[in-house]
PDB file of N, CA and C in Angstrom:
ATOM      1  N   SER A   1      -2.500 -20.408   7.451  1.00  0.00           N
ATOM      2  CA  SER A   1      -3.356 -21.277   6.708  1.00  0.00           C
ATOM      3  C   SER A   1      -2.946 -21.277   5.223  1.00  0.00           C
ATOM      4  N   ILE A   2      -3.653 -22.131   4.472  1.00  0.00           N
ATOM      5  CA  ILE A   2      -3.302 -22.222   3.073  1.00  0.00           C
ATOM      6  C   ILE A   2      -3.647 -20.936   2.247  1.00  0.00           C
ATOM      7  N   SER A   3      -4.818 -20.365   2.565  1.00  0.00           N
ATOM      8  CA  SER A   3      -5.261 -19.190   1.870  1.00  0.00           C
ATOM      9  C   SER A   3      -5.010 -17.950   2.791  1.00  0.00           C
ATOM     10  N   ALA A   4      -4.610 -16.867   2.169  1.00  0.00           N
ATOM     11  CA  ALA A   4      -4.407 -15.585   2.901  1.00  0.00           C
ATOM     12  C   ALA A   4      -5.707 -15.096   3.415  1.00  0.00           C
ATOM     13  N   VAL A   5      -5.652 -14.424   4.576  1.00  0.00           N
ATOM     14  CA  VAL A   5      -6.811 -13.807   5.151  1.00  0.00           C
ATOM     15  C   VAL A   5      -6.993 -12.425   4.444  1.00  0.00           C
ATOM     16  N   GLN A   6      -8.213 -12.176   4.025  1.00  0.00           N
ATOM     17  CA  GLN A   6      -8.562 -10.892   3.434  1.00  0.00           C
ATOM     18  C   GLN A   6      -9.123  -9.951   4.539  1.00  0.00           C
ATOM     19  N   MET A   7      -8.342  -8.908   4.880  1.00  0.00           N
ATOM     20  CA  MET A   7      -8.732  -7.988   5.943  1.00  0.00           C
ATOM     21  C   MET A   7      -9.337  -6.697   5.422  1.00  0.00           C
ATOM     22  N   ALA A   8     -10.211  -6.108   6.237  1.00  0.00           N
ATOM     23  CA  ALA A   8     -10.819  -4.811   5.782  1.00  0.00           C
ATOM     24  C   ALA A   8     -11.223  -4.099   7.049  1.00  0.00           C
ATOM     25  N   LEU A   9     -11.193  -2.718   6.928  1.00  0.00           N
ATOM     26  CA  LEU A   9     -11.542  -1.823   7.941  1.00  0.00           C
ATOM     27  C   LEU A   9     -12.931  -1.133   7.508  1.00  0.00           C
ATOM     28  N   GLY A  10     -13.892  -1.185   8.354  1.00  0.00           N
ATOM     29  CA  GLY A  10     -15.203  -0.586   8.003  1.00  0.00           C
ATOM     30  C   GLY A  10     -15.544   0.574   8.911  1.00  0.00           C
ATOM     31  N   VAL A  11     -16.218   1.568   8.388  1.00  0.00           N
ATOM     32  CA  VAL A  11     -16.679   2.737   9.149  1.00  0.00           C
ATOM     33  C   VAL A  11     -18.156   2.958   8.868  1.00  0.00           C
ATOM     34  N   ASP A  12     -18.967   3.018   9.923  1.00  0.00           N
ATOM     35  CA  ASP A  12     -20.395   3.376   9.784  1.00  0.00           C
ATOM     36  C   ASP A  12     -20.505   4.761  10.333  1.00  0.00           C
ATOM     37  N   PHE A  13     -20.694   5.785   9.539  1.00  0.00           N
ATOM     38  CA  PHE A  13     -20.711   7.189   9.960  1.00  0.00           C
ATOM     39  C   PHE A  13     -22.000   7.513  10.689  1.00  0.00           C
ATOM     40  N   SER A  14     -23.007   6.606  10.697  1.00  0.00           N
ATOM     41  CA  SER A  14     -24.242   6.851  11.396  1.00  0.00           C
ATOM     42  C   SER A  14     -24.151   6.274  12.803  1.00  0.00           C
ATOM     43  N   GLY A  15     -23.039   5.624  13.194  1.00  0.00           N
ATOM     44  CA  GLY A  15     -22.878   5.010  14.500  1.00  0.00           C
ATOM     45  C   GLY A  15     -23.632   3.726  14.660  1.00  0.00           C
ATOM     46  N   GLY A  16     -24.028   3.109  13.550  1.00  0.00           N
ATOM     47  CA  GLY A  16     -24.707   1.845  13.597  1.00  0.00           C
ATOM     48  C   GLY A  16     -23.907   0.696  14.110  1.00  0.00           C
ATOM     49  N   THR A  17     -24.550  -0.407  14.484  1.00  0.00           N
ATOM     50  CA  THR A  17     -23.832  -1.489  15.087  1.00  0.00           C
ATOM     51  C   THR A  17     -23.950  -2.758  14.236  1.00  0.00           C
ATOM     52  N   ASP A  18     -24.462  -2.680  13.054  1.00  0.00           N
ATOM     53  CA  ASP A  18     -24.609  -3.812  12.096  1.00  0.00           C
ATOM     54  C   ASP A  18     -23.515  -3.718  11.023  1.00  0.00           C
ATOM     55  N   TRP A  19     -22.536  -4.590  11.120  1.00  0.00           N
ATOM     56  CA  TRP A  19     -21.429  -4.542  10.162  1.00  0.00           C
ATOM     57  C   TRP A  19     -21.822  -4.852   8.729  1.00  0.00           C
ATOM     58  N   THR A  20     -23.026  -5.459   8.552  1.00  0.00           N
ATOM     59  CA  THR A  20     -23.514  -5.786   7.243  1.00  0.00           C
ATOM     60  C   THR A  20     -24.392  -4.703   6.578  1.00  0.00           C
ATOM     61  N   ALA A  21     -24.610  -3.593   7.351  1.00  0.00           N
ATOM     62  CA  ALA A  21     -25.497  -2.536   6.857  1.00  0.00           C
ATOM     63  C   ALA A  21     -24.923  -1.801   5.637  1.00  0.00           C
ATOM     64  N   PRO A  22     -25.738  -1.342   4.748  1.00  0.00           N
ATOM     65  CA  PRO A  22     -25.227  -0.681   3.575  1.00  0.00           C
ATOM     66  C   PRO A  22     -24.527   0.682   3.897  1.00  0.00           C
ATOM     67  N   SER A  23     -24.781   1.166   5.173  1.00  0.00           N
ATOM     68  CA  SER A  23     -24.194   2.430   5.539  1.00  0.00           C
ATOM     69  C   SER A  23     -22.708   2.258   5.904  1.00  0.00           C
ATOM     70  N   VAL A  24     -22.170   1.051   5.998  1.00  0.00           N
ATOM     71  CA  VAL A  24     -20.811   0.818   6.337  1.00  0.00           C
ATOM     72  C   VAL A  24     -19.965   1.007   5.083  1.00  0.00           C
ATOM     73  N   GLN A  25     -18.939   1.828   5.141  1.00  0.00           N
ATOM     74  CA  GLN A  25     -17.975   2.045   4.089  1.00  0.00           C
ATOM     75  C   GLN A  25     -16.754   1.181   4.426  1.00  0.00           C
ATOM     76  N   TRP A  26     -16.416   0.270   3.500  1.00  0.00           N
ATOM     77  CA  TRP A  26     -15.275  -0.681   3.693  1.00  0.00           C
ATOM     78  C   TRP A  26     -14.027  -0.230   2.940  1.00  0.00           C
ATOM     79  N   PHE A  27     -12.882  -0.374   3.684  1.00  0.00           N
ATOM     80  CA  PHE A  27     -11.574  -0.072   3.048  1.00  0.00           C
ATOM     81  C   PHE A  27     -10.746  -1.337   3.137  1.00  0.00           C
ATOM     82  N   ALA A  28     -10.161  -1.776   1.997  1.00  0.00           N
ATOM     83  CA  ALA A  28      -9.263  -2.922   2.028  1.00  0.00           C
ATOM     84  C   ALA A  28      -8.035  -2.601   2.890  1.00  0.00           C
ATOM     85  N   TRP A  29      -7.499  -3.630   3.531  1.00  0.00           N
ATOM     86  CA  TRP A  29      -6.312  -3.489   4.367  1.00  0.00           C
ATOM     87  C   TRP A  29      -5.142  -3.023   3.554  1.00  0.00           C
ATOM     88  N   ASP A  30      -4.338  -2.101   4.009  1.00  0.00           N
ATOM     89  CA  ASP A  30      -3.237  -1.537   3.286  1.00  0.00           C
ATOM     90  C   ASP A  30      -2.132  -2.603   2.871  1.00  0.00           C
ATOM     91  N   ASN A  31      -1.870  -3.556   3.737  1.00  0.00           N
ATOM     92  CA  ASN A  31      -0.772  -4.520   3.528  1.00  0.00           C
ATOM     93  C   ASN A  31      -1.344  -5.930   3.847  1.00  0.00           C
ATOM     94  N   PRO A  32      -1.515  -6.751   2.868  1.00  0.00           N
ATOM     95  CA  PRO A  32      -2.098  -8.081   3.091  1.00  0.00           C
ATOM     96  C   PRO A  32      -1.101  -9.173   3.398  1.00  0.00           C
ATOM     97  N   ALA A  33       0.165  -8.801   3.704  1.00  0.00           N
ATOM     98  CA  ALA A  33       1.217  -9.810   3.958  1.00  0.00           C
ATOM     99  C   ALA A  33       0.814 -10.779   5.108  1.00  0.00           C
ATOM    100  N   GLU A  34       1.246 -11.988   5.028  1.00  0.00           N
ATOM    101  CA  GLU A  34       0.950 -13.050   6.064  1.00  0.00           C
ATOM    102  C   GLU A  34       2.092 -13.071   7.138  1.00  0.00           C
ATOM    103  N   ASP A  35       1.702 -13.542   8.313  1.00  0.00           N
ATOM    104  CA  ASP A  35       2.606 -13.920   9.376  1.00  0.00           C
ATOM    105  C   ASP A  35       3.472 -12.702   9.858  1.00  0.00           C
ATOM    106  N   THR A  36       2.866 -11.555   9.874  1.00  0.00           N
ATOM    107  CA  THR A  36       3.546 -10.361  10.405  1.00  0.00           C
ATOM    108  C   THR A  36       2.487  -9.338  10.826  1.00  0.00           C
ATOM    109  N   TRP A  37       2.896  -8.367  11.667  1.00  0.00           N
ATOM    110  CA  TRP A  37       1.914  -7.279  12.011  1.00  0.00           C
ATOM    111  C   TRP A  37       1.789  -6.395  10.769  1.00  0.00           C
ATOM    112  N   ASN A  38       0.555  -6.106  10.374  1.00  0.00           N
ATOM    113  CA  ASN A  38       0.303  -5.296   9.224  1.00  0.00           C
ATOM    114  C   ASN A  38      -0.618  -4.140   9.586  1.00  0.00           C
ATOM    115  N   PRO A  39      -0.095  -2.940   9.745  1.00  0.00           N
ATOM    116  CA  PRO A  39      -0.925  -1.827  10.094  1.00  0.00           C
ATOM    117  C   PRO A  39      -1.675  -1.343   8.877  1.00  0.00           C
ATOM    118  N   THR A  40      -2.801  -0.710   9.195  1.00  0.00           N
ATOM    119  CA  THR A  40      -3.605  -0.065   8.079  1.00  0.00           C
ATOM    120  C   THR A  40      -4.048   1.310   8.686  1.00  0.00           C
ATOM    121  N   GLU A  41      -4.282   2.268   7.805  1.00  0.00           N
ATOM    122  CA  GLU A  41      -4.713   3.550   8.259  1.00  0.00           C
ATOM    123  C   GLU A  41      -5.655   4.207   7.245  1.00  0.00           C
ATOM    124  N   GLU A  42      -6.696   4.876   7.728  1.00  0.00           N
ATOM    125  CA  GLU A  42      -7.622   5.537   6.855  1.00  0.00           C
ATOM    126  C   GLU A  42      -7.901   6.909   7.487  1.00  0.00           C
ATOM    127  N   THR A  43      -8.032   7.929   6.669  1.00  0.00           N
ATOM    128  CA  THR A  43      -8.468   9.241   7.121  1.00  0.00           C
ATOM    129  C   THR A  43      -9.840   9.472   6.617  1.00  0.00           C
ATOM    130  N   VAL A  44     -10.767   9.679   7.540  1.00  0.00           N
ATOM    131  CA  VAL A  44     -12.177   9.879   7.192  1.00  0.00           C
ATOM    132  C   VAL A  44     -12.698  11.127   7.889  1.00  0.00           C
ATOM    133  N   THR A  45     -13.752  11.710   7.378  1.00  0.00           N
ATOM    134  CA  THR A  45     -14.369  12.852   7.992  1.00  0.00           C
ATOM    135  C   THR A  45     -15.731  12.496   8.646  1.00  0.00           C
ATOM    136  N   ALA A  46     -15.796  12.681   9.976  1.00  0.00           N
ATOM    137  CA  ALA A  46     -17.042  12.338  10.622  1.00  0.00           C
ATOM    138  C   ALA A  46     -18.201  13.262  10.145  1.00  0.00           C
ATOM    139  N   THR A  47     -19.348  12.667  10.057  1.00  0.00           N
ATOM    140  CA  THR A  47     -20.513  13.414   9.611  1.00  0.00           C
ATOM    141  C   THR A  47     -21.496  13.612  10.785  1.00  0.00           C
ATOM    142  N   GLY A  48     -21.242  13.193  11.948  1.00  0.00           N
ATOM    143  CA  GLY A  48     -22.120  13.332  13.064  1.00  0.00           C
ATOM    144  C   GLY A  48     -21.311  13.271  14.372  1.00  0.00           C
ATOM    145  N   GLU A  49     -22.057  13.060  15.459  1.00  0.00           N
ATOM    146  CA  GLU A  49     -21.484  13.006  16.768  1.00  0.00           C
ATOM    147  C   GLU A  49     -20.686  11.708  17.052  1.00  0.00           C
ATOM    148  N   GLN A  50     -20.986  10.650  16.377  1.00  0.00           N
ATOM    149  CA  GLN A  50     -20.336   9.339  16.565  1.00  0.00           C
ATOM    150  C   GLN A  50     -20.243   8.584  15.305  1.00  0.00           C
ATOM    151  N   PHE A  51     -19.327   7.606  15.265  1.00  0.00           N
ATOM    152  CA  PHE A  51     -19.269   6.620  14.199  1.00  0.00           C
ATOM    153  C   PHE A  51     -18.779   5.339  14.735  1.00  0.00           C
ATOM    154  N   THR A  52     -18.925   4.275  14.038  1.00  0.00           N
ATOM    155  CA  THR A  52     -18.526   2.936  14.499  1.00  0.00           C
ATOM    156  C   THR A  52     -17.422   2.327  13.577  1.00  0.00           C
ATOM    157  N   ILE A  53     -16.465   1.747  14.218  1.00  0.00           N
ATOM    158  CA  ILE A  53     -15.353   1.100  13.404  1.00  0.00           C
ATOM    159  C   ILE A  53     -15.535  -0.400  13.491  1.00  0.00           C
ATOM    160  N   PHE A  54     -15.416  -1.070  12.357  1.00  0.00           N
ATOM    161  CA  PHE A  54     -15.494  -2.558  12.244  1.00  0.00           C
ATOM    162  C   PHE A  54     -14.175  -3.006  11.654  1.00  0.00           C
ATOM    163  N   ILE A  55     -13.737  -4.203  12.072  1.00  0.00           N
ATOM    164  CA  ILE A  55     -12.580  -4.828  11.423  1.00  0.00           C
ATOM    165  C   ILE A  55     -13.071  -6.233  11.093  1.00  0.00           C
ATOM    166  N   LYS A  56     -12.825  -6.673   9.851  1.00  0.00           N
ATOM    167  CA  LYS A  56     -13.234  -8.064   9.441  1.00  0.00           C
ATOM    168  C   LYS A  56     -12.067  -8.767   8.770  1.00  0.00           C
ATOM    169  N   GLY A  57     -12.017 -10.048   9.019  1.00  0.00           N
ATOM    170  CA  GLY A  57     -11.116 -10.915   8.291  1.00  0.00           C
ATOM    171  C   GLY A  57     -11.864 -12.060   7.693  1.00  0.00           C
ATOM    172  N   PHE A  58     -11.482 -12.458   6.478  1.00  0.00           N
ATOM    173  CA  PHE A  58     -12.219 -13.446   5.753  1.00  0.00           C
ATOM    174  C   PHE A  58     -11.216 -14.385   5.098  1.00  0.00           C
ATOM    175  N   HIS A  59     -11.456 -15.705   5.283  1.00  0.00           N
ATOM    176  CA  HIS A  59     -10.764 -16.759   4.588  1.00  0.00           C
ATOM    177  C   HIS A  59     -11.519 -17.138   3.338  1.00  0.00           C
ATOM    178  N   PRO A  60     -10.994 -16.936   2.180  1.00  0.00           N
ATOM    179  CA  PRO A  60     -11.700 -17.267   0.972  1.00  0.00           C
ATOM    180  C   PRO A  60     -11.839 -18.829   0.762  1.00  0.00           C
ATOM    181  N   GLN A  61     -11.025 -19.599   1.465  1.00  0.00           N
ATOM    182  CA  GLN A  61     -11.090 -21.044   1.392  1.00  0.00           C
ATOM    183  C   GLN A  61     -11.354 -21.545   2.794  1.00  0.00           C
ATOM    184  N   ALA A  62     -12.187 -22.583   2.868  1.00  0.00           N
ATOM    185  CA  ALA A  62     -12.433 -23.171   4.170  1.00  0.00           C
ATOM    186  C   ALA A  62     -11.298 -24.144   4.551  1.00  0.00           C
ATOM    187  N   ASP A  63     -10.310 -23.675   5.216  1.00  0.00           N
ATOM    188  CA  ASP A  63      -9.212 -24.494   5.637  1.00  0.00           C
ATOM    189  C   ASP A  63      -8.851 -24.246   7.098  1.00  0.00           C
ATOM    190  N   GLN A  64      -8.145 -25.162   7.708  1.00  0.00           N
ATOM    191  CA  GLN A  64      -7.750 -25.013   9.103  1.00  0.00           C
ATOM    192  C   GLN A  64      -6.495 -24.248   9.220  1.00  0.00           C
ATOM    193  N   GLY A  65      -6.275 -23.676  10.457  1.00  0.00           N
ATOM    194  CA  GLY A  65      -5.020 -23.027  10.759  1.00  0.00           C
ATOM    195  C   GLY A  65      -5.165 -21.521  10.646  1.00  0.00           C
ATOM    196  N   GLY A  66      -4.069 -20.881  11.039  1.00  0.00           N
ATOM    197  CA  GLY A  66      -3.975 -19.418  11.024  1.00  0.00           C
ATOM    198  C   GLY A  66      -4.743 -18.739  12.138  1.00  0.00           C
ATOM    199  N   LYS A  67      -4.467 -17.507  12.337  1.00  0.00           N
ATOM    200  CA  LYS A  67      -5.162 -16.717  13.311  1.00  0.00           C
ATOM    201  C   LYS A  67      -5.061 -15.230  12.919  1.00  0.00           C
ATOM    202  N   THR A  68      -6.023 -14.442  13.431  1.00  0.00           N
ATOM    203  CA  THR A  68      -5.976 -12.987  13.212  1.00  0.00           C
ATOM    204  C   THR A  68      -6.002 -12.365  14.530  1.00  0.00           C
ATOM    205  N   VAL A  69      -5.044 -11.461  14.795  1.00  0.00           N
ATOM    206  CA  VAL A  69      -4.951 -10.764  16.036  1.00  0.00           C
ATOM    207  C   VAL A  69      -4.984  -9.283  15.828  1.00  0.00           C
ATOM    208  N   ILE A  70      -5.832  -8.522  16.511  1.00  0.00           N
ATOM    209  CA  ILE A  70      -5.988  -7.142  16.386  1.00  0.00           C
ATOM    210  C   ILE A  70      -5.354  -6.453  17.616  1.00  0.00           C
ATOM    211  N   ASP A  71      -4.567  -5.428  17.433  1.00  0.00           N
ATOM    212  CA  ASP A  71      -3.941  -4.701  18.522  1.00  0.00           C
ATOM    213  C   ASP A  71      -3.791  -3.259  18.231  1.00  0.00           C
ATOM    214  N   ASN A  72      -3.990  -2.408  19.256  1.00  0.00           N
ATOM    215  CA  ASN A  72      -3.700  -0.984  19.160  1.00  0.00           C
ATOM    216  C   ASN A  72      -4.510  -0.223  18.153  1.00  0.00           C
ATOM    217  N   VAL A  73      -5.835  -0.218  18.344  1.00  0.00           N
ATOM    218  CA  VAL A  73      -6.735   0.529  17.484  1.00  0.00           C
ATOM    219  C   VAL A  73      -6.829   1.896  18.095  1.00  0.00           C
ATOM    220  N   SER A  74      -6.676   2.966  17.206  1.00  0.00           N
ATOM    221  CA  SER A  74      -6.784   4.330  17.796  1.00  0.00           C
ATOM    222  C   SER A  74      -7.538   5.228  16.790  1.00  0.00           C
ATOM    223  N   VAL A  75      -8.146   6.283  17.318  1.00  0.00           N
ATOM    224  CA  VAL A  75      -8.826   7.286  16.536  1.00  0.00           C
ATOM    225  C   VAL A  75      -8.184   8.623  16.937  1.00  0.00           C
ATOM    226  N   THR A  76      -7.833   9.417  15.982  1.00  0.00           N
ATOM    227  CA  THR A  76      -7.244  10.746  16.234  1.00  0.00           C
ATOM    228  C   THR A  76      -8.080  11.841  15.622  1.00  0.00           C
ATOM    229  N   ASP A  77      -8.429  12.839  16.442  1.00  0.00           N
ATOM    230  CA  ASP A  77      -9.141  13.979  15.965  1.00  0.00           C
ATOM    231  C   ASP A  77      -8.190  14.954  15.323  1.00  0.00           C
ATOM    232  N   LEU A  78      -8.308  15.203  14.017  1.00  0.00           N
ATOM    233  CA  LEU A  78      -7.423  16.076  13.265  1.00  0.00           C
ATOM    234  C   LEU A  78      -7.895  17.528  13.280  1.00  0.00           C
ATOM    235  N   GLY A  79      -8.977  17.715  13.948  1.00  0.00           N
ATOM    236  CA  GLY A  79      -9.589  19.098  14.071  1.00  0.00           C
ATOM    237  C   GLY A  79     -10.403  19.429  12.814  1.00  0.00           C
ATOM    238  N   PRO A  80     -10.940  20.667  12.790  1.00  0.00           N
ATOM    239  CA  PRO A  80     -11.777  21.053  11.739  1.00  0.00           C
ATOM    240  C   PRO A  80     -10.947  21.251  10.425  1.00  0.00           C
ATOM    241  N   GLU A  81     -11.576  20.972   9.313  1.00  0.00           N
ATOM    242  CA  GLU A  81     -10.974  21.139   8.008  1.00  0.00           C
ATOM    243  C   GLU A  81     -10.799  22.593   7.667  1.00  0.00           C
TER     244      GLU A  81
END
């Protein structure tokens, strides 16, 4: 599309399901390049038994075209600190 997609990874440490909740901490995507696979990675510390991961893409301009594809999401337990 004409405008680049702005991607972000969100984590709700309370396990909530509302991506607009103030409890969601958002991280900008590491690499905003267009037309290629762009991995991102965040290291976070869980505060409870569960948390929720959100991924959002936003077009700052209302134009046609483009697509966003998500593949291979994983969570790794790094053990106690």
